[in-house]
């Protein structure tokens, strides 16, 4: 134990660098997954069959293939085909974005479909454009439902970052693994990793919980459901079919 922690604090700069690589991979991979979740999710809910079909094929492919294999393909196979060698961090971010973005797209699709149909109809009755309906009525309600699932996916992404060690990324796991090899303190090395990853996951959970509370508060202030119901009632009761 003493040898491991003595070396750990002697190499605290390397540990900090590895921790930063892990945080970078988590945040950048999460951002890529977040963007792709909405891209694939909106495509899955679009009217053209071709767009829905493309979305379904991509989502099923990246959900149905191993993240481990995707990392190795990007890092080892793709350079052989293209002649361009990618950095381990970039490969990790791309693989995490595609893999978890595919899972996230189902979160987006499900949340959009969970918004009551009456909300869509009321927004149409108010003569809102499709963009206005999505931005002001549908998405605020769906977003609140998405956040808990996105929190789970982000935590899962964090826990997947040690896979980057397999493609030579100098992340936290790689640094601690090197310290373990030099000291032989396997139990203490992996206990240290458990504690650090737990603290990172807990910090992400707190941040996402705060985001969820803010989203719920904002939704309550706007109360799009109540607004639309009252406006729809006005439209229905107006003798000329409209309210000026």
Protein backbone atom coordinates (compact mmCIF):
# COMPACT_ATOMS: atom_id res chain seq x y z
CA UNK A 1 0.00 0.00 0.00
CA UNK A 2 2.73 2.45 1.02
CA UNK A 3 4.76 1.91 -2.14
CA UNK A 4 1.74 2.44 -4.37
CA UNK A 5 0.56 5.68 -2.79
CA UNK A 6 4.11 6.99 -2.48
CA UNK A 7 4.58 6.48 -6.22
CA UNK A 8 1.04 7.78 -6.85
CA UNK A 9 1.82 11.13 -5.24
CA UNK A 10 5.28 11.25 -6.81
CA UNK A 11 3.60 10.89 -10.22
CA UNK A 12 0.66 13.15 -9.38
CA UNK A 13 1.33 15.21 -12.52
CA UNK A 14 0.92 12.12 -14.73
CA UNK A 15 -2.17 11.12 -12.75
CA UNK A 16 -3.64 14.58 -13.31
CA UNK A 17 -2.88 14.38 -17.04
CA UNK A 18 -4.55 10.97 -17.24
CA UNK A 19 -7.55 12.26 -15.31
CA UNK A 20 -7.85 15.19 -17.72
CA UNK A 21 -7.81 12.81 -20.72
CA UNK A 22 -10.63 10.82 -19.09
CA UNK A 23 -12.64 13.99 -18.44
CA UNK A 24 -12.02 15.24 -22.00
CA UNK A 25 -13.13 11.93 -23.51
CA UNK A 26 -16.26 11.93 -21.34
CA UNK A 27 -17.31 15.52 -22.03
CA UNK A 28 -16.41 15.60 -25.74
CA UNK A 29 -17.82 12.12 -26.33
CA UNK A 30 -20.96 13.11 -24.43
CA UNK A 31 -21.32 16.26 -26.51
CA UNK A 32 -20.93 14.29 -29.75
CA UNK A 33 -23.44 11.71 -28.52
CA UNK A 34 -25.88 14.47 -27.51
CA UNK A 35 -25.78 16.07 -30.96
CA UNK A 36 -26.11 12.74 -32.78
CA UNK A 37 -28.95 11.73 -30.46
CA UNK A 38 -31.02 14.65 -31.69
CA UNK A 39 -29.97 14.21 -35.32
CA UNK A 40 -30.92 10.53 -35.40
CA UNK A 41 -33.95 11.09 -33.15
CA UNK A 42 -35.44 13.81 -35.35
CA UNK A 43 -34.67 11.74 -38.45
CA UNK A 44 -36.54 8.80 -36.93
CA UNK A 45 -39.61 11.04 -36.39
CA UNK A 46 -39.51 12.68 -39.81
CA UNK A 47 -42.11 12.00 -42.48
CA UNK A 48 -39.98 10.85 -45.46
CA UNK A 49 -39.56 7.08 -45.29
CA UNK A 50 -36.03 7.28 -46.70
CA UNK A 51 -34.88 9.55 -43.87
CA UNK A 52 -36.46 7.27 -41.27
CA UNK A 53 -34.88 4.26 -42.92
CA UNK A 54 -31.40 5.78 -42.91
CA UNK A 55 -31.78 6.69 -39.25
CA UNK A 56 -32.93 3.18 -38.35
CA UNK A 57 -30.03 1.51 -40.17
CA UNK A 58 -27.41 3.75 -38.53
CA UNK A 59 -28.91 3.42 -35.06
CA UNK A 60 -29.20 -0.35 -35.24
CA UNK A 61 -25.67 -0.69 -36.64
CA UNK A 62 -23.98 1.32 -33.90
CA UNK A 63 -26.16 -0.17 -31.16
CA UNK A 64 -25.66 -3.67 -32.49
CA UNK A 65 -21.87 -3.61 -32.77
CA UNK A 66 -19.40 -3.62 -29.89
CA UNK A 67 -17.89 -0.35 -28.72
CA UNK A 68 -14.67 -2.30 -28.24
CA UNK A 69 -14.65 -3.28 -31.93
CA UNK A 70 -15.59 0.24 -33.03
CA UNK A 71 -12.60 1.68 -31.14
CA UNK A 72 -10.20 -0.84 -32.66
CA UNK A 73 -11.63 -0.31 -36.14
CA UNK A 74 -11.24 3.46 -35.96
CA UNK A 75 -7.74 3.29 -34.52
CA UNK A 76 -6.21 0.34 -36.39
CA UNK A 77 -8.32 -0.46 -39.48
CA UNK A 78 -9.38 2.99 -40.69
CA UNK A 79 -5.79 4.31 -41.05
CA UNK A 80 -4.93 1.28 -43.20
CA UNK A 81 -7.83 2.15 -45.53
CA UNK A 82 -7.40 5.92 -45.61
CA UNK A 83 -3.72 6.46 -44.87
CA UNK A 84 -4.53 8.89 -42.05
CA UNK A 85 -3.68 7.98 -38.48
CA UNK A 86 -6.08 9.28 -35.84
CA UNK A 87 -5.14 10.17 -32.27
CA UNK A 88 -6.41 7.86 -29.52
CA UNK A 89 -8.47 10.64 -27.92
CA UNK A 90 -10.13 11.54 -31.22
CA UNK A 91 -10.92 7.88 -31.89
CA UNK A 92 -12.45 7.58 -28.44
CA UNK A 93 -14.61 10.68 -28.85
CA UNK A 94 -15.88 9.53 -32.27
CA UNK A 95 -16.60 5.99 -31.09
CA UNK A 96 -18.35 7.17 -27.92
CA UNK A 97 -20.35 9.73 -29.87
CA UNK A 98 -21.57 7.22 -32.45
CA UNK A 99 -22.28 4.41 -30.01
CA UNK A 100 -24.02 6.39 -27.28
CA UNK A 101 -25.58 8.74 -29.81
CA UNK A 102 -27.37 5.71 -31.26
CA UNK A 103 -28.75 4.83 -27.83
CA UNK A 104 -29.59 8.48 -27.15
CA UNK A 105 -31.57 8.76 -30.36
CA UNK A 106 -34.09 6.31 -28.94
CA UNK A 107 -34.36 8.50 -25.86
CA UNK A 108 -35.12 11.52 -28.06
CA UNK A 109 -37.56 9.63 -30.26
CA UNK A 110 -39.40 8.17 -27.28
CA UNK A 111 -39.62 11.50 -25.44
CA UNK A 112 -40.97 13.30 -28.51
CA UNK A 113 -43.58 10.59 -29.03
CA UNK A 114 -44.53 10.77 -25.33
CA UNK A 115 -45.73 14.37 -25.62
CA UNK A 116 -49.54 14.19 -25.81
CA UNK A 117 -50.92 14.47 -29.32
CA UNK A 118 -53.25 17.21 -28.14
CA UNK A 119 -50.22 19.46 -27.68
CA UNK A 120 -49.32 19.10 -31.37
CA UNK A 121 -52.91 19.74 -32.42
CA UNK A 122 -53.27 22.78 -30.17
CA UNK A 123 -50.02 24.26 -31.52
CA UNK A 124 -51.28 23.76 -35.07
CA UNK A 125 -54.56 25.44 -34.11
CA UNK A 126 -52.55 28.44 -32.91
CA UNK A 127 -51.04 28.68 -36.41
CA UNK A 128 -47.49 27.96 -35.22
CA UNK A 129 -44.90 26.95 -37.78
CA UNK A 130 -43.34 23.46 -37.39
CA UNK A 131 -40.19 25.08 -35.98
CA UNK A 132 -42.19 27.14 -33.48
CA UNK A 133 -44.19 24.08 -32.43
CA UNK A 134 -41.03 22.12 -31.75
CA UNK A 135 -39.08 24.91 -30.05
CA UNK A 136 -41.82 26.44 -27.92
CA UNK A 137 -44.21 23.57 -27.18
CA UNK A 138 -42.97 20.05 -27.89
CA UNK A 139 -39.26 20.15 -27.09
CA UNK A 140 -39.55 21.85 -23.66
CA UNK A 141 -41.89 19.08 -22.52
CA UNK A 142 -39.86 16.28 -24.11
CA UNK A 143 -36.54 17.65 -22.81
CA UNK A 144 -37.57 17.16 -19.18
CA UNK A 145 -38.27 13.50 -19.92
CA UNK A 146 -34.95 13.03 -21.72
CA UNK A 147 -32.62 14.25 -18.97
CA UNK A 148 -32.76 11.20 -16.61
CA UNK A 149 -32.00 8.84 -19.50
CA UNK A 150 -29.24 11.10 -20.78
CA UNK A 151 -27.77 11.09 -17.26
CA UNK A 152 -27.59 7.29 -17.32
CA UNK A 153 -25.98 7.29 -20.76
CA UNK A 154 -23.40 9.87 -19.67
CA UNK A 155 -22.45 7.77 -16.64
CA UNK A 156 -22.17 4.70 -18.85
CA UNK A 157 -19.96 6.65 -21.24
CA UNK A 158 -17.69 7.66 -18.36
CA UNK A 159 -17.38 4.04 -17.29
CA UNK A 160 -16.48 3.06 -20.86
CA UNK A 161 -13.53 5.46 -21.09
CA UNK A 162 -11.05 2.88 -19.68
CA UNK A 163 -11.41 1.10 -23.03
CA UNK A 164 -9.22 3.84 -24.49
CA UNK A 165 -6.33 2.26 -22.63
CA UNK A 166 -6.55 -0.53 -25.21
CA UNK A 167 -5.77 1.95 -28.02
CA UNK A 168 -2.79 3.44 -26.15
CA UNK A 169 -4.57 6.51 -24.78
CA UNK A 170 -2.83 7.84 -21.66
CA UNK A 171 -6.02 8.12 -19.63
CA UNK A 172 -6.46 7.66 -15.90
CA UNK A 173 -6.72 3.87 -16.17
CA UNK A 174 -3.51 3.66 -18.19
CA UNK A 175 -1.58 5.72 -15.64
CA UNK A 176 -2.84 3.75 -12.63
CA UNK A 177 -2.21 0.49 -14.48
CA UNK A 178 1.41 1.55 -14.97
CA UNK A 179 1.72 2.33 -11.25
CA UNK A 180 0.24 -1.06 -10.42
CA UNK A 181 2.74 -2.82 -12.68
CA UNK A 182 5.62 -1.07 -10.94
CA UNK A 183 4.45 -1.69 -7.37
CA UNK A 184 2.38 -4.87 -7.65
CA UNK A 185 -0.33 -3.28 -5.48
CA UNK A 186 -3.26 -4.56 -7.54
CA UNK A 187 -5.94 -4.17 -4.86
CA UNK A 188 -5.01 -0.59 -3.97
CA UNK A 189 -4.60 0.44 -7.60
CA UNK A 190 -8.06 -0.70 -8.61
CA UNK A 191 -9.63 0.55 -5.39
CA UNK A 192 -8.18 3.97 -6.23
CA UNK A 193 -9.73 3.76 -9.69
CA UNK A 194 -13.08 2.77 -8.21
CA UNK A 195 -13.09 5.77 -5.90
CA UNK A 196 -12.03 8.26 -8.59
CA UNK A 197 -14.57 7.02 -11.12
CA UNK A 198 -17.29 7.07 -8.47
CA UNK A 199 -16.49 10.69 -7.63
CA UNK A 200 -16.54 11.64 -11.32
CA UNK A 201 -19.87 9.86 -11.83
CA UNK A 202 -21.33 11.51 -8.74
CA UNK A 203 -20.25 14.96 -9.97
CA UNK A 204 -21.89 14.30 -13.34
CA UNK A 205 -25.06 13.12 -11.61
CA UNK A 206 -25.25 16.28 -9.49
CA UNK A 207 -24.76 18.44 -12.59
CA UNK A 208 -27.44 16.61 -14.55
CA UNK A 209 -29.85 16.72 -11.59
CA UNK A 210 -29.39 20.49 -11.42
CA UNK A 211 -30.08 20.67 -15.17
CA UNK A 212 -33.25 18.63 -14.70
CA UNK A 213 -34.47 20.91 -11.90
CA UNK A 214 -33.82 23.96 -14.06
CA UNK A 215 -35.70 22.40 -16.99
CA UNK A 216 -38.67 21.53 -14.80
CA UNK A 217 -38.72 25.01 -13.30
CA UNK A 218 -38.60 26.61 -16.73
CA UNK A 219 -41.36 24.36 -17.98
CA UNK A 220 -43.50 25.27 -14.98
CA UNK A 221 -43.02 28.97 -15.64
CA UNK A 222 -44.00 28.65 -19.26
CA UNK A 223 -46.70 26.01 -18.66
CA UNK A 224 -47.03 25.34 -22.41
CA UNK A 225 -49.73 22.72 -21.80
CA UNK A 226 -51.96 25.10 -19.89
CA UNK A 227 -51.33 27.95 -22.32
CA UNK A 228 -52.25 25.83 -25.29
CA UNK A 229 -55.36 24.47 -23.62
CA UNK A 230 -56.63 27.95 -22.77
CA UNK A 231 -55.83 29.33 -26.21
CA UNK A 232 -57.46 26.33 -27.89
CA UNK A 233 -60.57 26.88 -25.79
CA UNK A 234 -60.67 30.49 -26.95
CA UNK A 235 -60.39 29.40 -30.57
CA UNK A 236 -63.11 26.81 -30.16
CA UNK A 237 -65.50 29.24 -28.49
CA UNK A 238 -64.92 32.17 -30.88
CA UNK A 239 -67.97 32.56 -33.17
CA UNK A 240 -65.83 33.51 -36.18
CA UNK A 241 -63.38 30.66 -35.69
CA UNK A 242 -60.53 32.83 -34.56
CA UNK A 243 -59.31 35.16 -31.83
CA UNK A 244 -57.94 38.58 -32.61
